[in-house]
Every structure is written in C-alpha cells, then in structure tokens.
Amino acid sequence: MRGQAQGAAERRNLGTSGMWDFSTEPEFQAKLDWMETFVREECEPLDMLFAYTGAPYDVHNRTARAILKPLQAKVKAQGLWACHLGPELGGPGFGQVKLALMNEILGQSSWAPTVFGTAAPDTGNAEILAMFGTDEQKARYLKPLMEGDIVSCFSMTEPQAGADPKEFICKAWQEGDEWVIDGEKWYSSNARYASFFIVMAVTDPDASPSRRMSMFIVPAETPGINILRNVGLGGPPLSDPHGDHAYIRYERVRVPADAMLGGPGEGFKVAQARLGGGRVHHAMRTVGQCRRALEMMLERAVSRRTRGRPLADHQFVQGAIADSAIELEQFRLLVLRTAWIIDTQPHGAARTAIAMCKVQMAKVYHDIAQRALHLHGSLGVSNEMPFVKMLIGAEALALADGPTEVHKVQVAKALLGTAKAAPGLFPTEYLPARLADAQARYAHILDKTTESA
C-alpha cells in the first residue's frame, strides 16, 4: 500500500500534470491530496475485486453494502459526497472547475464514482429530479438516491432509433388518472439493480420533435417491466451474467398521473438538461483514464528491453509517449476551459465547448490507450491488462450521450453561424488584394521615399 505522501508525489511527478496550479485554496488542495490516495488505495482494488465477481450495484446485496458503505462514509466525512450538485440542488457547490479536478482523480478507477456518489446514470438522474421533480418526487426518489441507498436507470434510447428522438416509438397515453407506457428501450444501464426508471416516451406524435416526448418516473416493481436481456460491453460471451445494459420491453406499464417528470412534452428539455452535464463529466473522468494509460506506458518503457536497450531509448517509443502526453494536456485544458465557461458564463454559453469535449475525448482516449497497448506487446492485447477494455470504452464514449458525428455537426454549425461571406469575388485574405490595400494605405510615404531616392 502506498502512503499518502508517496502516492501524491507520484502523481505530481508524472510530468504532464498541472492540476495543482488550477486551485490555490489550501483546503481544496488538501481534499485533492486525500482523494488521490483514497482512490489509489481504496477504490482501485474494487475494480479488480468486482471485475470477476459481478458489479454489485444492487445496494441490497450484503457483500456490496459491507464493502461500499464504509468507504462511502469516509467520503461523506470529508465533505466529498455527490459533489456534482450545486448548493441549490442539495450538493456542496464546488463548481465545474473544481469538479473537473476531482473527476480527473475519480476517472482512474471505475468504482471511484460509486464510492463518491457521482456514478452515472445516478448523477444525471439526480440533477433532473432536483431541477424538475415535485416535492413528493424528490422525497421519494432523490433523497435516497443522494444518500446512496438506491440506484436508478435512465431509459431513453431505442433499438431501432439509438439516441435519435425523432425516431422514438415507445409511447405513453392517458387512461383515466393513469399513464400507460408501451414499447421497447435499449441499453438502459443499471436496470437490473435500479429502484426506479426514468423513461422517455412519445406522448404527442404529431408535435414538433422537441415536444413529442415526456419523461416518467417508473418504480422498478411496477408490473409490465420486462428485461429481455442484459447486455455487456464487448468481449464477454452472450451468456455473461454481469451485463449491465438492459434491453427492456415496457408492456402496458401503468403509472399514476403524477409520475411525469416535468410537464407534458418536456421530455426533450429534461433530457438535454441531463445530458449536457453528463457529457462534460464523462470528459473529466476520461482525463483520469488517459493519465492512467500514460502512466502504464511510461512504466513499460523503463521496465522492458529490446535490441539491447530499454524501450525508453527507442525513438518510436519516445514519439508515442510525447504524442500521448501532448494530446492529453491539450484535451485536459479543453475540459478545464469548458468547466470554467460553465462556472462563469451565462447558461448555454458552454454548449459548443461541451460538444468539442464530447468529440475529442473518445479520440484522445482511443489513441493513448492504443499506444499503451502496443507498447505492451502480446500482454497488451490479453485479458490480463486493461487496454482492450479501454479501447472498447473509448468507442462507447464516442456513442454515449449522442454519437461523435452529431456533435461535430453541432460544432461546425455554431462556428459557421458566426462566419461572414467574402464581400467580393476573392477571399478577404487574397494576397494581391491585400498588397494593393497596403500600398494604397502607405502610398503617401512610399511616394516621398521614392522621390527622395
């Protein structure tokens, strides 16, 4: 077990980490130091423990409670629980920049977010419950979710439509004082463990795309919720019992009228409020995963030899390390800048920056993980190292919360919206025209200079 001073020192000495420069508050610095050691020594072992025994998201599982609850209690004692929520929503209100620095550490362990109360999809579900829920909904669902006593499921994408709301067909209609939900949903994460589902369904098929759908809170014990199968994330066989992403059929599921989250036709609005924050939080944690891959690359380079020299002495290896460090630092600064915009600018100002993060995180994660895998040779492609899982995770990030291509289009449209057409036949940077303008501007000096010569 590494001591706190040693663990923090290792992180600072990595060479690419500038996280310590972004906050000068001693109290917050101390929290980061504590998190650094806690994640390495307490959370990372859970990744291995649960990888082959199944993910104990079921908080009623005796083993899960025995392991997770004491760790979560330590986090709460440090005032670091559920830090994604602002004070107006019941959280500590650190702001997005500090949250980014924290998530950079949490991202190194797949179980750290659960231990710190920031695991998806619960984070996003807590945010929209806090923003759009009634007092009764908050008391019944948000409070135990915030305490870590239950987990939840966000059920939006569909097998024939993916994340395109224009193609959704799962529908809901009113019968008396109840809503009836009928249709299928795909890749509904944590459904097998969830105490409740937040389901998006079409309630007005003739309305505009942004007004067709509504959100419903559906308790897990409601009759008619049929999990057809639980899907894993690449690799494991179809019979793998640990898949966490459900293919669900809602068969005339009945919920009371007050089960709607937000108003009728506000499903898209609620989803966007949820997904925007989720995208930047994914990016924050991806920084931590990339840093972990780079650490493994560096260790391998100084540990193994080929052609009579350490790997670190070969220029191809040095190039891979340099490219990875530079790309990671660029991406990290993009994420921190985005967090700063969210903290300091009006609502919606960070939309394009968030889209940039969404696009870049999958590419940077993939490229760094692939280089680290390659440097480890046959061991890298085996199931005894985490690189294959990282590569699959990178592709999952390219699809989660909307595919990369959609966000590239969003970025391009935002930039094109600020562009102006050239006033004449040639571009404004057409050099002959620029030269003529410059000569005309300084003609009075040029003429006098010519005459005196």
Protein backbone atom coordinates (compact mmCIF):
# COMPACT_ATOMS: atom_id res chain seq x y z
CA MET A 1 0.00 0.00 0.00
CA ARG A 2 1.40 3.35 -0.95
CA GLY A 3 1.50 6.07 1.66
CA GLN A 4 -0.37 9.32 1.12
CA ALA A 5 2.75 11.42 0.56
CA GLN A 6 4.24 8.90 -1.83
CA GLY A 7 1.03 8.50 -3.85
CA ALA A 8 0.52 12.24 -4.23
CA ALA A 9 4.19 12.73 -5.12
CA GLU A 10 3.98 10.10 -7.84
CA ARG A 11 1.06 11.94 -9.40
CA ARG A 12 2.81 15.31 -9.28
CA ASN A 13 6.00 13.89 -10.75
CA LEU A 14 4.28 12.40 -13.78
CA GLY A 15 5.37 15.43 -15.74
CA THR A 16 2.10 16.15 -17.54
CA SER A 17 0.02 17.06 -14.51
CA GLY A 18 -0.66 20.73 -13.95
CA MET A 19 -3.77 20.15 -11.86
CA TRP A 20 -2.16 21.65 -8.80
CA ASP A 21 -1.89 25.03 -10.50
CA PHE A 22 -5.62 25.46 -11.00
CA SER A 23 -6.60 25.95 -7.40
CA THR A 24 -4.63 27.88 -4.83
CA GLU A 25 -7.03 27.17 -1.97
CA PRO A 26 -5.12 25.10 0.62
CA GLU A 27 -8.29 23.42 1.86
CA PHE A 28 -9.24 22.22 -1.61
CA GLN A 29 -5.66 21.17 -2.33
CA ALA A 30 -5.81 19.02 0.77
CA LYS A 31 -9.03 17.41 -0.46
CA LEU A 32 -7.39 16.56 -3.79
CA ASP A 33 -4.43 15.02 -1.97
CA TRP A 34 -6.77 12.95 0.18
CA MET A 35 -8.75 11.83 -2.87
CA GLU A 36 -5.56 10.89 -4.69
CA THR A 37 -4.50 8.41 -2.06
CA PHE A 38 -8.00 7.18 -1.25
CA VAL A 39 -8.79 6.35 -4.88
CA ARG A 40 -5.48 4.55 -5.39
CA GLU A 41 -5.57 2.57 -2.16
CA GLU A 42 -9.29 2.03 -1.57
CA CYS A 43 -11.15 2.33 -4.89
CA GLU A 44 -8.80 0.78 -7.44
CA PRO A 45 -8.75 -2.59 -5.59
CA LEU A 46 -12.55 -2.69 -6.03
CA ASP A 47 -12.05 -2.65 -9.81
CA MET A 48 -10.28 -5.98 -9.58
CA LEU A 49 -12.47 -7.43 -6.85
CA PHE A 50 -15.71 -6.80 -8.72
CA ALA A 51 -14.43 -7.42 -12.27
CA TYR A 52 -14.77 -11.17 -11.89
CA THR A 53 -17.49 -11.40 -9.27
CA GLY A 54 -20.04 -9.13 -10.93
CA ALA A 55 -20.84 -5.48 -10.35
CA PRO A 56 -22.65 -5.19 -7.00
CA TYR A 57 -24.74 -2.14 -7.91
CA ASP A 58 -27.58 -3.75 -6.01
CA VAL A 59 -27.30 -1.83 -2.77
CA HIS A 60 -29.35 -4.53 -1.06
CA ASN A 61 -26.60 -7.03 -1.81
CA ARG A 62 -24.98 -7.87 1.53
CA THR A 63 -21.45 -8.02 0.12
CA ALA A 64 -21.89 -4.72 -1.71
CA ARG A 65 -23.13 -2.93 1.39
CA ALA A 66 -20.39 -4.40 3.56
CA ILE A 67 -17.67 -3.17 1.19
CA LEU A 68 -19.06 0.08 -0.19
CA LYS A 69 -20.87 1.64 2.75
CA PRO A 70 -17.80 2.12 5.00
CA LEU A 71 -15.90 3.68 2.09
CA GLN A 72 -18.81 5.97 1.26
CA ALA A 73 -18.99 7.00 4.91
CA LYS A 74 -15.34 8.10 4.78
CA VAL A 75 -16.07 10.14 1.66
CA LYS A 76 -19.06 11.81 3.31
CA ALA A 77 -16.95 12.63 6.35
CA GLN A 78 -14.56 14.50 4.07
CA GLY A 79 -17.43 16.53 2.55
CA LEU A 80 -16.78 14.99 -0.88
CA TRP A 81 -20.02 13.10 -1.44
CA ALA A 82 -22.17 13.89 -4.52
CA CYS A 83 -20.13 16.94 -5.43
CA HIS A 84 -21.74 17.20 -8.88
CA LEU A 85 -24.73 19.04 -7.42
CA GLY A 86 -24.70 22.72 -6.57
CA PRO A 87 -25.96 24.06 -3.24
CA GLU A 88 -29.31 24.95 -4.77
CA LEU A 89 -29.73 21.25 -5.60
CA GLY A 90 -28.52 19.91 -2.26
CA GLY A 91 -24.80 19.48 -3.06
CA PRO A 92 -21.64 21.25 -1.85
CA GLY A 93 -21.41 23.57 -4.87
CA PHE A 94 -17.72 23.28 -5.74
CA GLY A 95 -18.30 24.43 -9.32
CA GLN A 96 -17.27 22.74 -12.54
CA VAL A 97 -13.55 23.60 -12.50
CA LYS A 98 -13.05 22.01 -9.10
CA LEU A 99 -15.31 19.16 -10.13
CA ALA A 100 -13.11 18.61 -13.18
CA LEU A 101 -10.00 18.36 -11.00
CA MET A 102 -11.78 15.90 -8.73
CA ASN A 103 -13.10 13.80 -11.60
CA GLU A 104 -9.62 13.62 -13.07
CA ILE A 105 -8.74 11.59 -10.00
CA LEU A 106 -12.01 9.64 -9.85
CA GLY A 107 -11.67 8.68 -13.51
CA GLN A 108 -8.72 6.42 -12.73
CA SER A 109 -11.00 3.88 -11.05
CA SER A 110 -14.26 2.55 -12.46
CA TRP A 111 -15.62 2.20 -8.92
CA ALA A 112 -14.50 5.55 -7.52
CA PRO A 113 -17.61 7.37 -8.83
CA THR A 114 -19.84 4.91 -6.95
CA VAL A 115 -17.83 5.37 -3.77
CA PHE A 116 -18.03 9.17 -4.15
CA GLY A 117 -21.72 9.30 -5.11
CA THR A 118 -21.05 10.52 -8.65
CA ALA A 119 -21.75 7.39 -10.70
CA ALA A 120 -23.75 7.52 -13.90
CA PRO A 121 -26.63 7.34 -14.55
CA ASP A 122 -27.45 8.38 -10.98
CA THR A 123 -25.71 11.76 -11.30
CA GLY A 124 -27.79 12.86 -14.24
CA ASN A 125 -30.97 11.43 -12.77
CA ALA A 126 -30.34 13.28 -9.51
CA GLU A 127 -29.84 16.54 -11.40
CA ILE A 128 -33.11 16.34 -13.32
CA LEU A 129 -35.03 15.20 -10.24
CA ALA A 130 -33.64 18.21 -8.41
CA MET A 131 -34.45 20.57 -11.29
CA PHE A 132 -37.83 19.24 -12.45
CA GLY A 133 -39.15 16.98 -9.69
CA THR A 134 -42.04 17.78 -7.40
CA ASP A 135 -41.52 17.86 -3.64
CA GLU A 136 -43.07 14.40 -3.39
CA GLN A 137 -40.83 13.01 -6.17
CA LYS A 138 -37.74 14.45 -4.51
CA ALA A 139 -38.65 12.95 -1.16
CA ARG A 140 -39.39 9.51 -2.61
CA TYR A 141 -36.57 9.23 -5.17
CA LEU A 142 -33.97 12.00 -4.90
CA LYS A 143 -33.30 11.77 -1.17
CA PRO A 144 -32.44 8.03 -1.09
CA LEU A 145 -30.55 8.40 -4.37
CA MET A 146 -28.44 11.19 -2.90
CA GLU A 147 -27.78 9.11 0.19
CA GLY A 148 -26.54 6.19 -1.91
CA ASP A 149 -29.27 3.89 -0.61
CA ILE A 150 -30.65 3.15 -4.07
CA VAL A 151 -29.54 3.31 -7.70
CA SER A 152 -31.53 4.33 -10.76
CA CYS A 153 -31.87 3.79 -14.50
CA PHE A 154 -32.26 6.26 -17.37
CA SER A 155 -34.25 4.54 -20.11
CA MET A 156 -34.17 6.62 -23.30
CA THR A 157 -32.52 5.00 -26.35
CA GLU A 158 -34.42 2.51 -28.50
CA PRO A 159 -33.27 -0.50 -30.56
CA GLN A 160 -34.46 0.92 -33.90
CA ALA A 161 -33.52 4.54 -33.20
CA GLY A 162 -30.48 4.72 -30.96
CA ALA A 163 -30.47 8.20 -29.42
CA ASP A 164 -32.41 9.94 -32.23
CA PRO A 165 -35.61 11.24 -30.58
CA LYS A 166 -37.23 11.80 -33.97
CA GLU A 167 -37.33 8.03 -34.43
CA PHE A 168 -38.61 7.04 -30.97
CA ILE A 169 -41.77 4.94 -30.95
CA CYS A 170 -42.08 3.86 -27.30
CA LYS A 171 -45.29 5.67 -26.40
CA ALA A 172 -47.43 6.68 -23.45
CA TRP A 173 -51.08 7.65 -23.33
CA GLN A 174 -53.58 8.54 -20.65
CA GLU A 175 -56.30 6.22 -19.43
CA GLY A 176 -58.26 7.83 -16.67
CA ASP A 177 -55.89 9.07 -13.98
CA GLU A 178 -53.03 6.87 -15.21
CA TRP A 179 -50.38 6.92 -17.92
CA VAL A 180 -49.80 3.72 -19.88
CA ILE A 181 -46.29 3.14 -21.29
CA ASP A 182 -45.75 0.66 -24.09
CA GLY A 183 -42.65 -0.03 -26.20
CA GLU A 184 -39.03 -1.10 -26.09
CA LYS A 185 -35.88 0.57 -24.81
CA TRP A 186 -32.29 -0.39 -25.49
CA TYR A 187 -29.10 -0.12 -23.39
CA SER A 188 -30.81 1.06 -20.24
CA SER A 189 -27.85 0.98 -17.86
CA ASN A 190 -28.22 -0.49 -14.36
CA ALA A 191 -31.82 -1.55 -14.95
CA ARG A 192 -31.23 -4.87 -13.20
CA TYR A 193 -30.26 -3.07 -9.97
CA ALA A 194 -32.41 0.07 -10.19
CA SER A 195 -35.11 1.00 -7.72
CA PHE A 196 -36.74 3.26 -10.30
CA PHE A 197 -36.55 4.08 -14.00
CA ILE A 198 -36.79 7.44 -15.74
CA VAL A 199 -38.44 6.61 -19.06
CA MET A 200 -38.81 8.84 -22.11
CA ALA A 201 -41.93 8.09 -24.14
CA VAL A 202 -43.79 9.70 -27.04
CA THR A 203 -46.94 11.38 -25.75
CA ASP A 204 -47.79 13.59 -28.76
CA PRO A 205 -46.54 12.03 -32.02
CA ASP A 206 -47.83 14.95 -34.11
CA ALA A 207 -45.95 17.65 -32.20
CA SER A 208 -42.58 19.09 -33.20
CA PRO A 209 -39.58 16.83 -32.46
CA SER A 210 -38.74 18.71 -29.27
CA ARG A 211 -42.31 18.47 -27.96
CA ARG A 212 -43.23 14.88 -28.86
CA MET A 213 -42.00 13.25 -25.66
CA SER A 214 -42.47 13.29 -21.91
CA MET A 215 -40.50 11.79 -19.01
CA PHE A 216 -41.94 9.38 -16.46
CA ILE A 217 -40.65 8.03 -13.16
CA VAL A 218 -41.44 4.33 -13.01
CA PRO A 219 -40.82 2.29 -9.82
CA ALA A 220 -38.94 -0.94 -10.56
CA GLU A 221 -41.68 -3.09 -9.03
CA THR A 222 -44.30 -1.79 -11.49
CA PRO A 223 -45.92 -4.69 -13.43
CA GLY A 224 -45.08 -4.87 -17.13
CA ILE A 225 -41.37 -4.01 -16.98
CA ASN A 226 -39.74 -6.94 -18.76
CA ILE A 227 -35.95 -7.08 -19.09
CA LEU A 228 -35.47 -9.17 -22.21
CA ARG A 229 -31.74 -9.49 -21.58
CA ASN A 230 -28.79 -7.69 -20.01
CA VAL A 231 -26.10 -6.69 -22.48
CA GLY A 232 -22.39 -6.49 -21.68
CA LEU A 233 -19.84 -4.06 -23.07
CA GLY A 234 -17.92 -6.09 -25.66
CA GLY A 235 -15.81 -9.16 -25.03
CA PRO A 236 -17.81 -11.36 -22.64
CA PRO A 237 -19.93 -14.18 -24.12
CA LEU A 238 -23.63 -13.70 -24.66
CA SER A 239 -24.34 -15.74 -21.57
CA ASP A 240 -22.29 -13.40 -19.38
CA PRO A 241 -24.39 -12.84 -16.24
CA HIS A 242 -22.81 -9.49 -15.44
CA GLY A 243 -24.13 -7.37 -18.31
CA ASP A 244 -25.33 -4.02 -17.01
CA HIS A 245 -27.18 -2.56 -20.00
CA ALA A 246 -30.74 -3.79 -20.36
CA TYR A 247 -32.92 -4.42 -23.38
CA ILE A 248 -36.36 -3.67 -21.92
CA ARG A 249 -39.91 -4.13 -23.11
CA TYR A 250 -42.49 -1.98 -21.34
CA GLU A 251 -45.79 -3.82 -21.77
CA ARG A 252 -48.68 -1.53 -20.87
CA VAL A 253 -46.86 -0.28 -17.78
CA ARG A 254 -49.25 1.82 -15.70
CA VAL A 255 -48.11 4.76 -13.58
CA PRO A 256 -50.18 7.49 -11.88
CA ALA A 257 -50.62 10.89 -13.49
CA ASP A 258 -48.17 12.47 -11.06
CA ALA A 259 -45.37 10.13 -12.26
CA MET A 260 -44.47 12.58 -15.02
CA LEU A 261 -41.14 14.37 -14.52
CA GLY A 262 -41.54 17.92 -15.78
CA GLY A 263 -44.54 18.89 -17.87
CA PRO A 264 -46.21 17.21 -20.86
CA GLY A 265 -43.99 17.43 -23.94
CA GLU A 266 -40.93 18.46 -21.90
CA GLY A 267 -39.10 15.15 -22.21
CA PHE A 268 -36.55 16.52 -24.68
CA LYS A 269 -35.95 19.58 -22.49
CA VAL A 270 -35.40 17.41 -19.42
CA ALA A 271 -33.08 15.07 -21.35
CA GLN A 272 -30.96 17.93 -22.65
CA ALA A 273 -30.57 19.34 -19.15
CA ARG A 274 -29.35 15.94 -18.06
CA LEU A 275 -27.10 15.03 -20.98
CA GLY A 276 -25.19 18.33 -21.20
CA GLY A 277 -23.68 17.92 -17.76
CA GLY A 278 -23.12 14.21 -18.35
CA ARG A 279 -21.03 14.87 -21.43
CA VAL A 280 -18.57 17.16 -19.69
CA HIS A 281 -18.41 14.84 -16.66
CA HIS A 282 -17.53 11.93 -18.96
CA ALA A 283 -14.76 14.09 -20.39
CA MET A 284 -13.45 14.92 -16.92
CA ARG A 285 -13.19 11.27 -15.98
CA THR A 286 -11.65 10.40 -19.33
CA VAL A 287 -8.71 12.65 -18.46
CA GLY A 288 -8.05 10.36 -15.50
CA GLN A 289 -8.28 7.22 -17.63
CA CYS A 290 -5.87 8.68 -20.20
CA ARG A 291 -3.44 9.63 -17.47
CA ARG A 292 -3.60 6.08 -16.14
CA ALA A 293 -2.80 4.69 -19.61
CA LEU A 294 0.12 7.10 -19.94
CA GLU A 295 1.45 6.02 -16.55
CA MET A 296 1.41 2.40 -17.69
CA MET A 297 3.17 3.37 -20.90
CA LEU A 298 5.93 5.15 -19.00
CA GLU A 299 6.42 2.24 -16.62
CA ARG A 300 6.65 -0.22 -19.51
CA ALA A 301 9.16 1.94 -21.36
CA VAL A 302 11.62 1.90 -18.46
CA SER A 303 10.96 -1.72 -17.47
CA ARG A 304 11.47 -3.69 -20.69
CA ARG A 305 14.37 -4.01 -23.12
CA THR A 306 14.63 -4.80 -26.82
CA ARG A 307 17.61 -4.84 -29.20
CA GLY A 308 19.90 -4.45 -26.23
CA ARG A 309 18.36 -1.21 -24.98
CA PRO A 310 15.42 -0.14 -22.79
CA LEU A 311 12.26 0.59 -24.72
CA ALA A 312 12.59 4.15 -23.49
CA ASP A 313 15.72 4.63 -25.61
CA HIS A 314 13.93 3.94 -28.92
CA GLN A 315 12.69 6.98 -30.81
CA PHE A 316 9.41 5.38 -31.87
CA VAL A 317 8.62 4.78 -28.21
CA GLN A 318 9.65 8.31 -27.28
CA GLY A 319 7.42 9.64 -30.05
CA ALA A 320 4.43 7.64 -28.78
CA ILE A 321 4.98 8.95 -25.27
CA ALA A 322 5.39 12.55 -26.43
CA ASP A 323 2.29 12.40 -28.66
CA SER A 324 0.24 10.94 -25.80
CA ALA A 325 1.41 13.50 -23.24
CA ILE A 326 0.77 16.43 -25.57
CA GLU A 327 -2.67 15.22 -26.67
CA LEU A 328 -3.66 14.56 -23.07
CA GLU A 329 -2.58 18.01 -21.91
CA GLN A 330 -4.42 19.68 -24.81
CA PHE A 331 -7.58 17.73 -24.06
CA ARG A 332 -7.29 18.40 -20.34
CA LEU A 333 -7.04 22.13 -20.91
CA LEU A 334 -10.07 22.00 -23.23
CA VAL A 335 -12.07 20.28 -20.48
CA LEU A 336 -10.94 22.77 -17.84
CA ARG A 337 -11.73 25.71 -20.10
CA THR A 338 -15.18 24.26 -20.70
CA ALA A 339 -15.69 23.87 -16.96
CA TRP A 340 -14.61 27.50 -16.49
CA ILE A 341 -17.16 28.67 -19.08
CA ILE A 342 -19.92 26.76 -17.27
CA ASP A 343 -18.88 28.34 -13.97
CA THR A 344 -18.56 31.92 -15.20
CA GLN A 345 -20.72 32.45 -18.30
CA PRO A 346 -24.49 32.54 -18.83
CA HIS A 347 -26.40 29.30 -19.21
CA GLY A 348 -25.85 27.76 -22.63
CA ALA A 349 -22.58 29.56 -23.32
CA ALA A 350 -20.61 26.31 -22.99
CA ARG A 351 -22.72 24.33 -25.48
CA THR A 352 -20.13 24.37 -28.27
CA ALA A 353 -17.24 23.76 -25.87
CA ILE A 354 -19.06 20.77 -24.37
CA ALA A 355 -19.57 19.38 -27.89
CA MET A 356 -15.84 19.81 -28.56
CA CYS A 357 -15.06 17.83 -25.41
CA LYS A 358 -17.52 15.14 -26.45
CA VAL A 359 -15.87 14.79 -29.86
CA GLN A 360 -12.30 14.83 -28.63
CA MET A 361 -12.50 12.60 -25.58
CA ALA A 362 -13.12 9.36 -27.50
CA LYS A 363 -10.30 10.07 -29.95
CA VAL A 364 -7.73 11.02 -27.32
CA TYR A 365 -8.71 8.09 -25.09
CA HIS A 366 -8.50 5.64 -28.00
CA ASP A 367 -5.16 6.92 -29.29
CA ILE A 368 -3.41 6.93 -25.91
CA ALA A 369 -4.82 3.53 -24.91
CA GLN A 370 -3.84 2.05 -28.28
CA ARG A 371 -0.25 3.27 -27.96
CA ALA A 372 -0.04 1.90 -24.42
CA LEU A 373 -1.45 -1.43 -25.58
CA HIS A 374 1.03 -1.62 -28.45
CA LEU A 375 3.96 -0.92 -26.14
CA HIS A 376 2.94 -3.91 -24.01
CA GLY A 377 3.01 -6.31 -26.97
CA SER A 378 1.07 -9.55 -26.67
CA LEU A 379 0.43 -8.83 -23.00
CA GLY A 380 -1.33 -5.64 -24.07
CA VAL A 381 -3.94 -7.46 -26.15
CA SER A 382 -4.52 -10.11 -23.49
CA ASN A 383 -7.25 -10.06 -20.87
CA GLU A 384 -4.56 -9.66 -18.21
CA MET A 385 -4.15 -5.94 -18.94
CA PRO A 386 -6.92 -3.28 -19.12
CA PHE A 387 -6.15 -1.90 -22.59
CA VAL A 388 -8.75 -3.82 -24.62
CA LYS A 389 -11.39 -2.70 -22.13
CA MET A 390 -10.11 0.86 -22.52
CA LEU A 391 -10.40 0.71 -26.32
CA ILE A 392 -13.96 -0.56 -26.08
CA GLY A 393 -14.65 2.14 -23.50
CA ALA A 394 -13.33 4.78 -25.87
CA GLU A 395 -15.74 3.64 -28.57
CA ALA A 396 -18.56 3.58 -26.04
CA LEU A 397 -17.79 7.22 -25.22
CA ALA A 398 -17.99 8.02 -28.92
CA LEU A 399 -21.61 6.83 -28.79
CA ALA A 400 -22.79 7.72 -25.28
CA ASP A 401 -24.98 10.84 -24.97
CA GLY A 402 -25.11 11.14 -28.76
CA PRO A 403 -22.64 9.92 -31.41
CA THR A 404 -19.49 11.88 -32.19
CA GLU A 405 -20.73 12.85 -35.64
CA VAL A 406 -23.75 14.69 -34.21
CA HIS A 407 -21.50 16.81 -32.03
CA LYS A 408 -19.11 17.54 -34.88
CA VAL A 409 -22.06 18.89 -36.82
CA GLN A 410 -23.07 20.98 -33.79
CA VAL A 411 -19.59 22.47 -33.50
CA ALA A 412 -19.42 23.21 -37.22
CA LYS A 413 -22.85 24.84 -37.30
CA ALA A 414 -22.00 27.03 -34.31
CA LEU A 415 -18.82 28.23 -35.98
CA LEU A 416 -20.47 28.66 -39.39
CA GLY A 417 -23.14 30.76 -37.72
CA THR A 418 -20.50 33.37 -36.90
CA ALA A 419 -18.90 33.37 -40.36
CA LYS A 420 -19.47 36.09 -42.97
CA ALA A 421 -19.23 35.69 -46.74
CA ALA A 422 -16.42 37.45 -48.56
CA PRO A 423 -17.64 40.81 -49.91
CA GLY A 424 -16.16 40.36 -53.37
CA LEU A 425 -15.11 37.78 -55.91
CA PHE A 426 -11.97 36.74 -54.00
CA PRO A 427 -11.43 35.82 -50.33
CA THR A 428 -10.59 38.59 -47.86
CA GLU A 429 -7.12 37.04 -47.48
CA TYR A 430 -6.47 37.11 -51.27
CA LEU A 431 -2.86 38.30 -51.32
CA PRO A 432 -2.90 40.56 -54.43
CA ALA A 433 -5.83 42.49 -52.97
CA ARG A 434 -4.18 42.70 -49.54
CA LEU A 435 -0.98 44.01 -51.18
CA ALA A 436 -2.92 46.65 -53.14
CA ASP A 437 -4.66 47.77 -49.92
CA ALA A 438 -1.36 48.01 -48.08
CA GLN A 439 0.25 50.00 -50.92
CA ALA A 440 -2.70 52.39 -51.02
CA ARG A 441 -2.58 52.84 -47.23
CA TYR A 442 1.07 53.86 -47.25
CA ALA A 443 1.19 55.49 -50.70
CA HIS A 444 1.99 58.94 -49.27
CA ILE A 445 5.09 57.55 -47.57
CA LEU A 446 6.10 55.31 -50.42
CA ASP A 447 5.82 58.19 -52.90
CA LYS A 448 8.00 60.50 -50.79
CA THR A 449 10.55 57.74 -50.26
CA THR A 450 10.68 57.10 -54.00
CA GLU A 451 11.11 60.83 -54.80
CA SER A 452 13.97 61.30 -52.32
CA ALA A 453 15.73 58.24 -53.65
